[in-house]
Amino acid sequence: MVTGKYEVLEDTQVRSGPGSDYPVVANIKKGIKINVVDEKSGWLKVESKLGNPPGFVEASLAKPVESR
C-alpha cells in the first residue's frame, strides 16, 4: 500500500476526487511535504494539515520522502 510522507515535485493542484474532472480544492507548491493515506487509480489521497477534507494529487507529481 502507498502511504506515508511524499514530496511534491512541481506546483500542483489538490482535487476533491481521484481524477482531473474533479474540482480543485487547493494548490500546493513544489517541495511541499504531503501525507499520503491511500492511492486510487493513479491518484494519491492526501490528508489536509489544516483539517480540511482529504484531497487527491496525481501520483506522478509526488515522490516518497526517504526516511533517514
N, C-alpha and C. Protein backbone atom coordinates (compact mmCIF):
# COMPACT_ATOMS: atom_id res chain seq x y z
N MET A 1 0.83 -1.19 0.00
CA MET A 1 0.00 0.00 0.00
C MET A 1 0.88 1.26 0.00
N VAL A 2 0.42 2.28 -0.68
CA VAL A 2 1.17 3.53 -0.84
C VAL A 2 0.73 4.50 0.25
N THR A 3 1.54 4.66 1.29
CA THR A 3 1.21 5.61 2.35
C THR A 3 2.49 6.26 2.86
N GLY A 4 2.35 7.35 3.61
CA GLY A 4 3.49 8.00 4.22
C GLY A 4 3.73 9.38 3.68
N LYS A 5 4.90 9.90 3.97
CA LYS A 5 5.28 11.26 3.56
C LYS A 5 5.78 11.26 2.12
N TYR A 6 5.27 12.22 1.36
CA TYR A 6 5.70 12.41 -0.03
C TYR A 6 6.08 13.87 -0.20
N GLU A 7 6.89 14.14 -1.23
CA GLU A 7 7.27 15.50 -1.59
C GLU A 7 6.70 15.81 -2.97
N VAL A 8 6.10 16.97 -3.11
CA VAL A 8 5.52 17.39 -4.39
C VAL A 8 6.66 17.83 -5.32
N LEU A 9 6.67 17.32 -6.55
CA LEU A 9 7.76 17.57 -7.49
C LEU A 9 7.59 18.85 -8.29
N GLU A 10 6.40 19.38 -8.36
CA GLU A 10 6.15 20.65 -9.05
C GLU A 10 4.86 21.26 -8.50
N ASP A 11 4.67 22.54 -8.74
CA ASP A 11 3.42 23.17 -8.31
C ASP A 11 2.26 22.37 -8.87
N THR A 12 1.29 22.04 -8.04
CA THR A 12 0.19 21.19 -8.49
C THR A 12 -1.10 21.55 -7.77
N GLN A 13 -2.16 20.90 -8.21
CA GLN A 13 -3.48 21.13 -7.64
C GLN A 13 -3.94 19.91 -6.86
N VAL A 14 -4.64 20.16 -5.77
CA VAL A 14 -5.28 19.11 -5.00
C VAL A 14 -6.75 19.11 -5.43
N ARG A 15 -7.26 17.95 -5.77
CA ARG A 15 -8.63 17.84 -6.26
C ARG A 15 -9.49 17.09 -5.25
N SER A 16 -10.80 17.28 -5.36
CA SER A 16 -11.72 16.67 -4.40
C SER A 16 -11.90 15.17 -4.62
N GLY A 17 -11.50 14.66 -5.76
CA GLY A 17 -11.61 13.24 -6.07
C GLY A 17 -10.47 12.78 -6.95
N PRO A 18 -10.37 11.47 -7.21
CA PRO A 18 -9.25 10.91 -7.96
C PRO A 18 -9.42 11.05 -9.48
N GLY A 19 -9.25 12.25 -9.98
CA GLY A 19 -9.34 12.48 -11.42
C GLY A 19 -9.32 13.96 -11.75
N SER A 20 -8.89 14.29 -12.97
CA SER A 20 -8.78 15.70 -13.35
C SER A 20 -10.13 16.36 -13.58
N ASP A 21 -11.21 15.57 -13.59
CA ASP A 21 -12.54 16.14 -13.76
C ASP A 21 -13.16 16.61 -12.43
N TYR A 22 -12.48 16.33 -11.32
CA TYR A 22 -12.97 16.78 -10.01
C TYR A 22 -12.52 18.22 -9.76
N PRO A 23 -13.29 18.98 -8.98
CA PRO A 23 -12.92 20.38 -8.70
C PRO A 23 -11.61 20.49 -7.92
N VAL A 24 -10.88 21.57 -8.17
CA VAL A 24 -9.65 21.87 -7.43
C VAL A 24 -10.04 22.43 -6.06
N VAL A 25 -9.46 21.85 -5.00
CA VAL A 25 -9.76 22.32 -3.65
C VAL A 25 -8.59 23.07 -3.02
N ALA A 26 -7.39 22.93 -3.61
CA ALA A 26 -6.22 23.63 -3.09
C ALA A 26 -5.10 23.58 -4.13
N ASN A 27 -4.16 24.50 -3.98
CA ASN A 27 -2.95 24.50 -4.80
C ASN A 27 -1.78 24.34 -3.85
N ILE A 28 -0.81 23.50 -4.23
CA ILE A 28 0.38 23.32 -3.40
C ILE A 28 1.63 23.54 -4.23
N LYS A 29 2.66 24.03 -3.58
CA LYS A 29 3.90 24.41 -4.25
C LYS A 29 4.90 23.26 -4.27
N LYS A 30 5.77 23.30 -5.25
CA LYS A 30 6.87 22.34 -5.36
C LYS A 30 7.64 22.29 -4.04
N GLY A 31 7.99 21.07 -3.61
CA GLY A 31 8.79 20.89 -2.40
C GLY A 31 7.98 20.71 -1.14
N ILE A 32 6.66 20.96 -1.19
CA ILE A 32 5.81 20.79 -0.01
C ILE A 32 5.70 19.28 0.30
N LYS A 33 5.73 18.97 1.59
CA LYS A 33 5.56 17.58 2.02
C LYS A 33 4.07 17.31 2.24
N ILE A 34 3.61 16.18 1.76
CA ILE A 34 2.20 15.79 1.92
C ILE A 34 2.14 14.44 2.61
N ASN A 35 1.04 14.17 3.30
CA ASN A 35 0.85 12.90 3.98
C ASN A 35 -0.16 12.07 3.18
N VAL A 36 0.34 11.00 2.56
CA VAL A 36 -0.49 10.16 1.70
C VAL A 36 -1.10 9.03 2.55
N VAL A 37 -2.42 8.87 2.43
CA VAL A 37 -3.12 7.84 3.21
C VAL A 37 -3.68 6.71 2.35
N ASP A 38 -3.70 6.91 1.02
CA ASP A 38 -4.25 5.88 0.13
C ASP A 38 -3.89 6.24 -1.30
N GLU A 39 -4.14 5.30 -2.22
CA GLU A 39 -3.90 5.53 -3.64
C GLU A 39 -5.08 4.96 -4.40
N LYS A 40 -5.56 5.68 -5.41
CA LYS A 40 -6.71 5.24 -6.17
C LYS A 40 -6.54 5.66 -7.62
N SER A 41 -6.44 4.69 -8.52
CA SER A 41 -6.39 4.94 -9.97
C SER A 41 -5.32 5.96 -10.37
N GLY A 42 -4.12 5.85 -9.79
CA GLY A 42 -3.04 6.75 -10.15
C GLY A 42 -3.08 8.09 -9.45
N TRP A 43 -3.94 8.22 -8.45
CA TRP A 43 -4.05 9.45 -7.66
C TRP A 43 -3.76 9.14 -6.20
N LEU A 44 -3.00 10.00 -5.54
CA LEU A 44 -2.67 9.84 -4.13
C LEU A 44 -3.69 10.60 -3.28
N LYS A 45 -4.27 9.91 -2.32
CA LYS A 45 -5.20 10.55 -1.38
C LYS A 45 -4.37 11.16 -0.26
N VAL A 46 -4.53 12.46 -0.05
CA VAL A 46 -3.71 13.17 0.93
C VAL A 46 -4.57 13.79 2.03
N GLU A 47 -4.01 13.78 3.24
CA GLU A 47 -4.66 14.42 4.38
C GLU A 47 -4.30 15.90 4.40
N SER A 48 -5.25 16.72 4.79
CA SER A 48 -5.02 18.15 4.92
C SER A 48 -4.37 18.44 6.27
N LYS A 49 -3.38 19.32 6.27
CA LYS A 49 -2.76 19.76 7.52
C LYS A 49 -3.63 20.78 8.23
N LEU A 50 -4.63 21.30 7.52
CA LEU A 50 -5.49 22.35 8.08
C LEU A 50 -6.85 21.84 8.53
N GLY A 51 -7.03 20.50 8.48
CA GLY A 51 -8.29 19.94 8.93
C GLY A 51 -9.37 19.89 7.86
N ASN A 52 -9.01 20.21 6.62
CA ASN A 52 -9.97 20.14 5.52
C ASN A 52 -10.19 18.68 5.10
N PRO A 53 -11.24 18.40 4.32
CA PRO A 53 -11.44 17.03 3.84
C PRO A 53 -10.23 16.57 3.02
N PRO A 54 -9.98 15.25 2.96
CA PRO A 54 -8.86 14.76 2.16
C PRO A 54 -9.02 15.16 0.70
N GLY A 55 -7.89 15.25 0.01
CA GLY A 55 -7.90 15.57 -1.42
C GLY A 55 -7.03 14.59 -2.17
N PHE A 56 -6.91 14.80 -3.47
CA PHE A 56 -6.16 13.88 -4.32
C PHE A 56 -5.16 14.64 -5.19
N VAL A 57 -3.95 14.07 -5.29
CA VAL A 57 -2.87 14.62 -6.10
C VAL A 57 -2.46 13.53 -7.10
N GLU A 58 -2.21 13.93 -8.34
CA GLU A 58 -1.77 12.96 -9.34
C GLU A 58 -0.46 12.33 -8.88
N ALA A 59 -0.40 10.98 -8.90
CA ALA A 59 0.73 10.25 -8.33
C ALA A 59 2.06 10.60 -9.00
N SER A 60 2.04 10.93 -10.27
CA SER A 60 3.30 11.24 -10.98
C SER A 60 3.91 12.57 -10.53
N LEU A 61 3.17 13.36 -9.76
CA LEU A 61 3.65 14.66 -9.33
C LEU A 61 4.24 14.67 -7.92
N ALA A 62 4.40 13.48 -7.33
CA ALA A 62 4.96 13.39 -5.98
C ALA A 62 5.84 12.16 -5.87
N LYS A 63 6.81 12.22 -4.96
CA LYS A 63 7.67 11.07 -4.72
C LYS A 63 7.79 10.83 -3.23
N PRO A 64 7.99 9.57 -2.84
CA PRO A 64 8.15 9.28 -1.40
C PRO A 64 9.37 10.01 -0.83
N VAL A 65 9.24 10.46 0.40
CA VAL A 65 10.37 11.09 1.10
C VAL A 65 11.17 9.99 1.74
N GLU A 66 12.46 10.01 1.52
CA GLU A 66 13.34 8.99 2.10
C GLU A 66 13.44 9.21 3.60
N SER A 67 13.23 8.15 4.35
CA SER A 67 13.40 8.28 5.80
C SER A 67 14.86 8.06 6.12
N ARG A 68 15.40 8.88 7.02
CA ARG A 68 16.83 8.81 7.33
C ARG A 68 17.03 8.26 8.71
